[in-house]
Amino acid sequence: MKTIDRTPYLTKNGEISFLNRLRAEMKFGSSWYPEIKAQQVVMDILNRDLSKGYTLLRNIALPGSEAIIPLILLGPAGAFVIYVTTLKGNYQAKGDNWGSLEHKKVRAASPNLMVLTSRMARGVQHYLGKQGIELSNVDGILIATDPGMHIESVRPLVRVVLSDAIELFARSLNNSFSVLESGMSQIIINRLTEPGADVHQVPSDTPQASPQVQADQAAEATPGVPEIGDVLPWAVSNPDVIEEKEPANITGEPADPYLELEKDLTPKDKKVMKGSTLFQFNTRQWLLLISFGIVEIIILLVFFWIISFTL
């Protein structure tokens, strides 16, 4: 399996220094580092068990935006958007509903991982459609890496894979029918990883977009249509700053994925104090800032003490 890794703060040898970890957590939240580690667990299993012909894109920012998708798997079996959770406990995934199980009762949990994963998959599909690449489906996959996580699935909106079934998931892809040719996979990879490329020109030997997709492309410059960077922030891997609004529309004609993502994945801090820089940090981030300040003061005091002592 080929891997294209665009994870921020990651060194060339695949490690994250302590200082970079602090910087990342201040920017993205405390859930960032555990999810990065969990992603690596999934990547190791897929790399070991998947057959040739697959490419995994990790934390790819959609061109022209700051929208980052955790994992995108492309190969003969199709296109998959994978969200990895580090949660543990008892949960229920029923349709587009997501809740924790407590004493045989279901309590709605936030963020809704069913809706969140589905939004990301539809967002990628919609983005590719605007580039002239029409895919019949981009599957959303929710993978739980903690052995202490149990999910009761009742026709879930996206596929749910527990920690002991990740290998089985990989093998099921190996045994699936081929629906995505290698040439098309490479075109999709280029569209997602090469922002400077001409993303509106699809080679003549590849399937052309339908009239509906072409109409979407024409409407892309229409005022009022949100940019992709406004509807898919990094918040997709920082559930602490996601505000759930309404459940996914899984019946009838689907709404515009961009508009749905704008409602579901807008960070709270942008709504509370627009134009303010004082309240864009949570308590943990302020504590980290204060800690950095104290450490720097101590270093300066020690430095001056050494100078004065030597003189």
Protein backbone atom coordinates (compact mmCIF):
# COMPACT_ATOMS: atom_id res chain seq x y z
CA MET A 1 0.00 0.00 0.00
CA LYS A 2 1.28 3.42 -0.95
CA THR A 3 0.91 6.16 1.65
CA ILE A 4 0.85 9.91 1.11
CA ASP A 5 1.11 11.57 4.51
CA ARG A 6 0.43 15.28 4.94
CA THR A 7 0.03 15.28 8.73
CA PRO A 8 1.13 18.64 10.16
CA TYR A 9 3.95 18.71 12.72
CA LEU A 10 5.13 15.28 11.58
CA THR A 11 8.87 14.92 10.95
CA LYS A 12 10.34 13.11 7.94
CA ASN A 13 10.95 9.98 10.03
CA GLY A 14 7.29 9.90 11.03
CA GLU A 15 7.69 11.19 14.57
CA ILE A 16 6.20 14.13 16.47
CA SER A 17 8.45 15.97 18.90
CA PHE A 18 7.17 16.98 22.31
CA LEU A 19 7.25 20.65 21.36
CA ASN A 20 5.36 20.04 18.11
CA ARG A 21 2.81 17.98 20.02
CA LEU A 22 2.17 20.92 22.35
CA ARG A 23 1.87 23.28 19.39
CA ALA A 24 -0.58 20.96 17.64
CA GLU A 25 -2.73 20.48 20.73
CA MET A 26 -2.91 24.23 21.25
CA LYS A 27 -4.11 24.66 17.68
CA PHE A 28 -6.29 21.58 17.16
CA GLY A 29 -7.25 20.47 20.67
CA SER A 30 -6.31 17.70 23.07
CA SER A 31 -7.83 14.95 20.91
CA TRP A 32 -5.37 15.56 18.06
CA TYR A 33 -2.39 13.48 19.23
CA PRO A 34 -4.39 10.40 20.39
CA GLU A 35 -6.16 10.34 17.02
CA ILE A 36 -2.86 10.60 15.15
CA LYS A 37 -1.59 7.57 17.11
CA ALA A 38 -4.85 5.71 16.40
CA GLN A 39 -4.55 6.50 12.70
CA GLN A 40 -1.11 4.91 12.72
CA VAL A 41 -2.56 1.70 14.19
CA VAL A 42 -5.07 1.49 11.34
CA MET A 43 -2.42 2.34 8.75
CA ASP A 44 -0.11 -0.44 9.96
CA ILE A 45 -2.85 -3.05 9.68
CA LEU A 46 -4.00 -1.89 6.24
CA ASN A 47 -0.42 -1.76 4.98
CA ARG A 48 0.13 -5.32 6.14
CA ASP A 49 -3.14 -6.90 4.97
CA LEU A 50 -4.26 -4.99 1.87
CA SER A 51 -3.29 -6.30 -1.52
CA LYS A 52 -1.40 -4.17 -4.05
CA GLY A 53 -3.08 -1.30 -5.83
CA TYR A 54 -4.21 0.75 -2.82
CA THR A 55 -3.16 4.25 -1.83
CA LEU A 56 -3.88 5.85 1.54
CA LEU A 57 -4.00 9.63 1.81
CA ARG A 58 -3.51 10.81 5.38
CA ASN A 59 -4.66 14.20 6.62
CA ILE A 60 -4.94 15.63 3.14
CA ALA A 61 -6.15 19.22 2.84
CA LEU A 62 -8.58 19.59 -0.04
CA PRO A 63 -6.92 21.90 -2.61
CA GLY A 64 -7.69 25.56 -2.15
CA SER A 65 -8.86 25.13 1.43
CA GLU A 66 -7.85 24.23 4.98
CA ALA A 67 -10.26 21.29 5.00
CA ILE A 68 -8.36 18.23 6.23
CA ILE A 69 -9.72 14.70 5.80
CA PRO A 70 -8.18 12.15 8.22
CA LEU A 71 -7.84 9.09 5.93
CA ILE A 72 -8.84 8.56 2.29
CA LEU A 73 -8.33 5.04 0.92
CA LEU A 74 -8.34 4.56 -2.86
CA GLY A 75 -8.06 1.24 -4.65
CA PRO A 76 -9.80 -1.43 -6.71
CA ALA A 77 -12.65 -1.76 -4.17
CA GLY A 78 -13.49 1.96 -4.45
CA ALA A 79 -13.03 5.18 -2.51
CA PHE A 80 -13.35 5.29 1.28
CA VAL A 81 -13.16 8.10 3.82
CA ILE A 82 -12.07 6.71 7.19
CA TYR A 83 -12.56 8.43 10.53
CA VAL A 84 -10.67 6.85 13.44
CA THR A 85 -12.01 7.29 16.96
CA THR A 86 -10.19 6.66 20.23
CA LEU A 87 -13.38 6.49 22.30
CA LYS A 88 -14.11 3.57 24.59
CA GLY A 89 -17.29 2.43 26.26
CA ASN A 90 -20.67 1.25 25.04
CA TYR A 91 -22.34 3.08 22.16
CA GLN A 92 -25.16 2.56 19.72
CA ALA A 93 -25.11 3.43 16.01
CA LYS A 94 -28.65 3.32 14.69
CA GLY A 95 -29.24 4.88 11.30
CA ASP A 96 -27.89 8.40 11.59
CA ASN A 97 -28.22 8.42 15.38
CA TRP A 98 -25.23 8.07 17.70
CA GLY A 99 -25.54 7.62 21.45
CA SER A 100 -23.93 6.12 24.53
CA LEU A 101 -25.49 3.11 26.21
CA GLU A 102 -26.01 3.56 29.93
CA HIS A 103 -28.04 1.02 31.91
CA LYS A 104 -29.74 -0.20 28.69
CA LYS A 105 -30.74 3.36 27.85
CA VAL A 106 -29.40 5.32 24.90
CA ARG A 107 -28.28 8.90 25.48
CA ALA A 108 -27.41 11.06 22.48
CA ALA A 109 -23.66 11.66 22.28
CA SER A 110 -21.88 14.62 20.77
CA PRO A 111 -20.33 14.78 18.29
CA ASN A 112 -22.50 12.44 16.22
CA LEU A 113 -19.85 10.21 14.65
CA MET A 114 -22.37 8.76 12.19
CA VAL A 115 -23.18 12.17 10.76
CA LEU A 116 -19.59 13.39 11.02
CA THR A 117 -18.13 10.49 9.03
CA SER A 118 -20.93 10.64 6.47
CA ARG A 119 -20.42 14.39 5.99
CA MET A 120 -16.72 13.91 5.29
CA ALA A 121 -17.37 11.17 2.74
CA ARG A 122 -20.04 13.19 0.97
CA GLY A 123 -17.85 16.29 1.09
CA VAL A 124 -15.02 14.48 -0.71
CA GLN A 125 -17.45 13.03 -3.26
CA HIS A 126 -18.98 16.46 -3.87
CA TYR A 127 -15.55 18.07 -4.23
CA LEU A 128 -14.43 15.49 -6.79
CA GLY A 129 -17.70 15.96 -8.66
CA LYS A 130 -16.90 19.64 -9.02
CA GLN A 131 -13.57 18.63 -10.56
CA GLY A 132 -15.37 16.55 -13.20
CA ILE A 133 -14.85 13.18 -11.50
CA GLU A 134 -18.17 11.47 -10.88
CA LEU A 135 -18.03 8.60 -8.40
CA SER A 136 -21.12 6.54 -7.74
CA ASN A 137 -20.23 6.44 -4.06
CA VAL A 138 -17.59 7.36 -1.49
CA ASP A 139 -18.07 5.09 1.52
CA GLY A 140 -17.71 6.44 5.04
CA ILE A 141 -15.98 4.11 7.52
CA LEU A 142 -15.86 4.63 11.28
CA ILE A 143 -13.04 2.63 12.91
CA ALA A 144 -12.66 2.30 16.68
CA THR A 145 -9.12 1.33 17.73
CA ASP A 146 -9.66 0.95 21.49
CA PRO A 147 -10.46 -2.68 22.50
CA GLY A 148 -12.71 -1.24 25.20
CA MET A 149 -15.06 0.23 22.59
CA HIS A 150 -18.28 -1.66 21.86
CA ILE A 151 -20.76 -0.38 19.29
CA GLU A 152 -24.22 -1.83 18.87
CA SER A 153 -24.92 -1.32 15.16
CA VAL A 154 -28.47 -1.16 13.80
CA ARG A 155 -28.33 -0.29 10.11
CA PRO A 156 -25.77 2.47 10.73
CA LEU A 157 -25.40 5.38 8.32
CA VAL A 158 -21.73 4.46 7.78
CA ARG A 159 -19.85 1.19 8.16
CA VAL A 160 -18.63 0.56 11.71
CA VAL A 161 -15.41 -1.40 12.31
CA LEU A 162 -14.25 -2.36 15.80
CA SER A 163 -10.61 -2.88 16.78
CA ASP A 164 -10.74 -6.68 16.43
CA ALA A 165 -12.29 -6.44 12.95
CA ILE A 166 -9.84 -4.10 11.19
CA GLU A 167 -8.00 -7.05 9.64
CA LEU A 168 -11.31 -8.51 8.47
CA PHE A 169 -12.19 -5.15 6.90
CA ALA A 170 -8.93 -5.17 4.94
CA ARG A 171 -9.51 -8.73 3.74
CA SER A 172 -13.05 -7.91 2.68
CA LEU A 173 -11.64 -5.18 0.42
CA ASN A 174 -9.24 -7.71 -1.12
CA ASN A 175 -12.20 -9.96 -1.94
CA SER A 176 -14.40 -7.18 -3.33
CA PHE A 177 -15.17 -6.63 -6.98
CA SER A 178 -12.99 -4.10 -8.75
CA VAL A 179 -14.94 -0.89 -9.25
CA LEU A 180 -12.17 1.69 -9.53
CA GLU A 181 -9.47 1.40 -12.18
CA SER A 182 -5.90 2.28 -11.29
CA GLY A 183 -5.88 5.11 -13.83
CA MET A 184 -8.89 6.75 -12.22
CA SER A 185 -7.40 6.26 -8.74
CA GLN A 186 -4.30 8.13 -9.84
CA ILE A 187 -6.39 10.96 -11.29
CA ILE A 188 -8.24 11.30 -7.97
CA ILE A 189 -4.93 11.27 -6.07
CA ASN A 190 -3.61 14.03 -8.31
CA ARG A 191 -6.73 16.13 -7.76
CA LEU A 192 -6.39 15.78 -3.98
CA THR A 193 -2.63 16.20 -3.62
CA GLU A 194 -1.61 18.65 -6.35
CA PRO A 195 -3.34 21.99 -5.72
CA GLY A 196 -1.42 23.64 -8.57
CA ALA A 197 -2.59 21.16 -11.19
CA ASP A 198 -5.37 21.88 -13.66
CA VAL A 199 -8.13 20.20 -11.68
CA HIS A 200 -10.91 21.05 -14.15
CA GLN A 201 -9.55 19.02 -17.06
CA VAL A 202 -10.23 15.28 -17.06
CA PRO A 203 -8.44 13.15 -19.68
CA SER A 204 -10.62 12.08 -22.60
CA ASP A 205 -10.22 8.38 -21.78
CA THR A 206 -11.85 8.81 -18.36
CA PRO A 207 -15.60 9.01 -17.59
CA GLN A 208 -17.04 12.46 -18.09
CA ALA A 209 -19.16 14.25 -15.53
CA SER A 210 -22.93 14.03 -15.78
CA PRO A 211 -25.02 17.11 -16.72
CA GLN A 212 -25.91 17.54 -13.05
CA VAL A 213 -22.22 17.62 -12.04
CA GLN A 214 -21.49 20.05 -14.87
CA ALA A 215 -24.28 22.25 -13.56
CA ASP A 216 -22.69 22.13 -10.12
CA GLN A 217 -19.41 23.24 -11.66
CA ALA A 218 -21.12 26.16 -13.34
CA ALA A 219 -22.73 27.15 -10.04
CA GLU A 220 -19.43 26.97 -8.18
CA ALA A 221 -18.78 30.68 -8.67
CA THR A 222 -22.33 31.65 -7.75
CA PRO A 223 -22.50 34.07 -4.79
CA GLY A 224 -23.75 32.45 -1.61
CA VAL A 225 -22.14 29.06 -2.20
CA PRO A 226 -19.64 28.52 0.66
CA GLU A 227 -16.01 27.72 -0.06
CA ILE A 228 -14.87 24.23 0.88
CA GLY A 229 -12.49 25.65 3.49
CA ASP A 230 -15.45 27.16 5.32
CA VAL A 231 -17.34 23.88 5.62
CA LEU A 232 -14.63 21.33 6.43
CA PRO A 233 -12.20 22.75 8.99
CA TRP A 234 -9.68 20.60 10.87
CA ALA A 235 -12.46 20.35 13.45
CA VAL A 236 -13.33 17.00 11.89
CA SER A 237 -10.51 15.52 13.97
CA ASN A 238 -11.18 17.67 16.99
CA PRO A 239 -14.68 16.70 18.20
CA ASP A 240 -14.39 19.11 21.13
CA VAL A 241 -15.06 22.06 18.83
CA ILE A 242 -17.80 20.56 16.66
CA GLU A 243 -21.37 21.64 17.21
CA GLU A 244 -23.96 19.18 15.96
CA LYS A 245 -27.10 20.71 14.48
CA GLU A 246 -29.44 18.34 12.68
CA PRO A 247 -29.21 14.63 11.76
CA ALA A 248 -28.17 13.70 8.25
CA ASN A 249 -30.89 13.73 5.62
CA ILE A 250 -30.96 10.08 4.53
CA THR A 251 -34.43 10.10 3.00
CA GLY A 252 -35.69 12.03 0.01
CA GLU A 253 -33.48 14.21 -2.13
CA PRO A 254 -30.18 14.99 -0.38
CA ALA A 255 -29.32 18.58 0.43
CA ASP A 256 -26.12 20.26 -0.73
CA PRO A 257 -23.27 18.59 1.25
CA TYR A 258 -21.41 21.90 1.50
CA LEU A 259 -24.36 23.58 3.20
CA GLU A 260 -24.86 20.63 5.55
CA LEU A 261 -21.18 20.59 6.46
CA GLU A 262 -21.27 24.33 7.09
CA LYS A 263 -24.00 23.82 9.70
CA ASP A 264 -22.46 20.76 11.34
CA LEU A 265 -18.72 21.43 11.33
CA THR A 266 -18.36 25.13 12.11
CA PRO A 267 -16.09 25.64 15.15
CA LYS A 268 -17.87 27.17 18.11
CA ASP A 269 -15.25 29.85 18.66
CA LYS A 270 -16.14 31.44 15.30
CA LYS A 271 -19.72 31.84 16.44
CA VAL A 272 -19.19 33.10 19.96
CA MET A 273 -16.79 35.99 19.53
CA LYS A 274 -16.24 37.00 15.91
CA GLY A 275 -13.32 39.35 15.54
CA SER A 276 -12.11 38.62 19.07
CA THR A 277 -8.74 37.01 19.78
CA LEU A 278 -9.12 36.81 23.54
CA PHE A 279 -11.57 33.91 23.74
CA GLN A 280 -10.29 31.74 20.91
CA PHE A 281 -8.41 29.52 23.40
CA ASN A 282 -9.95 27.07 25.84
CA THR A 283 -8.79 26.60 29.43
CA ARG A 284 -6.24 23.92 28.53
CA GLN A 285 -4.72 26.11 25.83
CA TRP A 286 -4.46 29.10 28.20
CA LEU A 287 -2.73 26.88 30.77
CA LEU A 288 -0.24 25.75 28.14
CA LEU A 289 0.44 29.35 27.16
CA ILE A 290 0.97 30.35 30.78
CA SER A 291 3.24 27.33 31.31
CA PHE A 292 5.35 28.31 28.30
CA GLY A 293 5.62 31.83 29.71
CA ILE A 294 6.74 30.60 33.13
CA VAL A 295 9.34 28.28 31.60
CA GLU A 296 10.72 31.09 29.46
CA ILE A 297 10.95 33.40 32.50
CA ILE A 298 12.79 30.72 34.49
CA ILE A 299 15.23 30.19 31.61
CA LEU A 300 15.89 33.93 31.41
CA LEU A 301 16.44 34.16 35.19
CA VAL A 302 18.87 31.23 35.13
CA PHE A 303 20.70 32.80 32.19
CA PHE A 304 21.08 36.15 33.97
CA TRP A 305 22.15 34.40 37.19
CA ILE A 306 24.89 32.52 35.32
CA ILE A 307 26.12 35.74 33.70
CA SER A 308 26.16 37.60 37.00
CA PHE A 309 27.93 34.69 38.73
CA THR A 310 30.66 34.46 36.09
CA LEU A 311 31.24 38.22 36.28
